[in-house]
Amino acid sequence: MKKYENLARAFYDIGKYAFTALVVGQFIAEKFSLNATLAGISFTVSAFSAALILEKVKEE
């Protein structure tokens, strides 16, 4: 169970970093790219979804 929890934490961290780099970075940059923002949001949602699924896995 511990390895799935650690993997879920890693996915949470990856999602947070992707959100920071791709979404928040677009608002800081001089040139705004809607495609990069949407890609960052979708990657963040998929990473958080994977982390939630991993948290629910029960090791037997």
C-alpha atoms as a PDB file:
ATOM      1  CA  MET A   1       0.000   0.000   0.000  1.00  0.00           C
ATOM      2  CA  LYS A   2       2.864   2.350   0.772  1.00  0.00           C
ATOM      3  CA  LYS A   3       4.279   2.193  -2.756  1.00  0.00           C
ATOM      4  CA  TYR A   4       0.924   3.257  -4.245  1.00  0.00           C
ATOM      5  CA  GLU A   5       0.665   6.145  -1.798  1.00  0.00           C
ATOM      6  CA  ASN A   6       4.154   7.313  -2.727  1.00  0.00           C
ATOM      7  CA  LEU A   7       3.354   7.008  -6.424  1.00  0.00           C
ATOM      8  CA  ALA A   8       0.143   8.975  -5.908  1.00  0.00           C
ATOM      9  CA  ARG A   9       2.111  11.729  -4.151  1.00  0.00           C
ATOM     10  CA  ALA A  10       4.516  11.815  -7.082  1.00  0.00           C
ATOM     11  CA  PHE A  11       1.613  12.254  -9.502  1.00  0.00           C
ATOM     12  CA  TYR A  12       0.226  15.067  -7.344  1.00  0.00           C
ATOM     13  CA  ASP A  13       3.620  16.784  -7.441  1.00  0.00           C
ATOM     14  CA  ILE A  14       3.897  16.348 -11.216  1.00  0.00           C
ATOM     15  CA  GLY A  15       0.424  17.824 -11.620  1.00  0.00           C
ATOM     16  CA  LYS A  16       1.296  20.809  -9.448  1.00  0.00           C
ATOM     17  CA  TYR A  17       4.520  21.449 -11.365  1.00  0.00           C
ATOM     18  CA  ALA A  18       2.745  21.159 -14.713  1.00  0.00           C
ATOM     19  CA  PHE A  19       0.068  23.578 -13.566  1.00  0.00           C
ATOM     20  CA  THR A  20       2.664  26.046 -12.373  1.00  0.00           C
ATOM     21  CA  ALA A  21       4.811  25.823 -15.493  1.00  0.00           C
ATOM     22  CA  LEU A  22       2.169  25.651 -18.200  1.00  0.00           C
ATOM     23  CA  VAL A  23      -0.781  27.576 -16.803  1.00  0.00           C
ATOM     24  CA  VAL A  24       0.589  30.137 -14.369  1.00  0.00           C
ATOM     25  CA  GLY A  25       3.625  30.666 -16.592  1.00  0.00           C
ATOM     26  CA  GLN A  26       1.365  31.727 -19.447  1.00  0.00           C
ATOM     27  CA  PHE A  27       0.044  34.629 -17.412  1.00  0.00           C
ATOM     28  CA  ILE A  28       3.561  35.729 -16.521  1.00  0.00           C
ATOM     29  CA  ALA A  29       4.921  35.427 -20.075  1.00  0.00           C
ATOM     30  CA  GLU A  30       4.709  38.280 -22.520  1.00  0.00           C
ATOM     31  CA  LYS A  31       2.993  36.167 -25.172  1.00  0.00           C
ATOM     32  CA  PHE A  32      -0.108  34.206 -24.109  1.00  0.00           C
ATOM     33  CA  SER A  33      -0.748  30.831 -25.755  1.00  0.00           C
ATOM     34  CA  LEU A  34      -4.194  29.325 -25.341  1.00  0.00           C
ATOM     35  CA  ASN A  35      -2.962  25.930 -26.580  1.00  0.00           C
ATOM     36  CA  ALA A  36      -0.275  25.739 -23.879  1.00  0.00           C
ATOM     37  CA  THR A  37      -2.781  26.783 -21.217  1.00  0.00           C
ATOM     38  CA  LEU A  38      -5.299  24.146 -22.282  1.00  0.00           C
ATOM     39  CA  ALA A  39      -2.563  21.508 -22.489  1.00  0.00           C
ATOM     40  CA  GLY A  40      -1.414  22.412 -18.973  1.00  0.00           C
ATOM     41  CA  ILE A  41      -4.930  22.207 -17.581  1.00  0.00           C
ATOM     42  CA  SER A  42      -5.607  18.857 -19.244  1.00  0.00           C
ATOM     43  CA  PHE A  43      -2.257  17.418 -18.106  1.00  0.00           C
ATOM     44  CA  THR A  44      -2.887  18.616 -14.558  1.00  0.00           C
ATOM     45  CA  VAL A  45      -6.358  17.081 -14.474  1.00  0.00           C
ATOM     46  CA  SER A  46      -5.054  13.782 -15.835  1.00  0.00           C
ATOM     47  CA  ALA A  47      -2.195  13.681 -13.291  1.00  0.00           C
ATOM     48  CA  PHE A  48      -4.577  14.403 -10.412  1.00  0.00           C
ATOM     49  CA  SER A  49      -7.007  11.767 -11.712  1.00  0.00           C
ATOM     50  CA  ALA A  50      -4.230   9.181 -11.868  1.00  0.00           C
ATOM     51  CA  ALA A  51      -3.208  10.077  -8.312  1.00  0.00           C
ATOM     52  CA  LEU A  52      -6.777   9.658  -7.070  1.00  0.00           C
ATOM     53  CA  ILE A  53      -7.047   6.258  -8.734  1.00  0.00           C
ATOM     54  CA  LEU A  54      -3.721   5.173  -7.227  1.00  0.00           C
ATOM     55  CA  GLU A  55      -4.850   6.229  -3.755  1.00  0.00           C
ATOM     56  CA  LYS A  56      -7.858   3.921  -4.028  1.00  0.00           C
ATOM     57  CA  VAL A  57      -5.785   0.844  -4.972  1.00  0.00           C
ATOM     58  CA  LYS A  58      -5.650  -1.694  -2.186  1.00  0.00           C
ATOM     59  CA  GLU A  59      -2.587  -3.906  -2.065  1.00  0.00           C
ATOM     60  CA  GLU A  60      -3.354  -7.490  -1.176  1.00  0.00           C
END
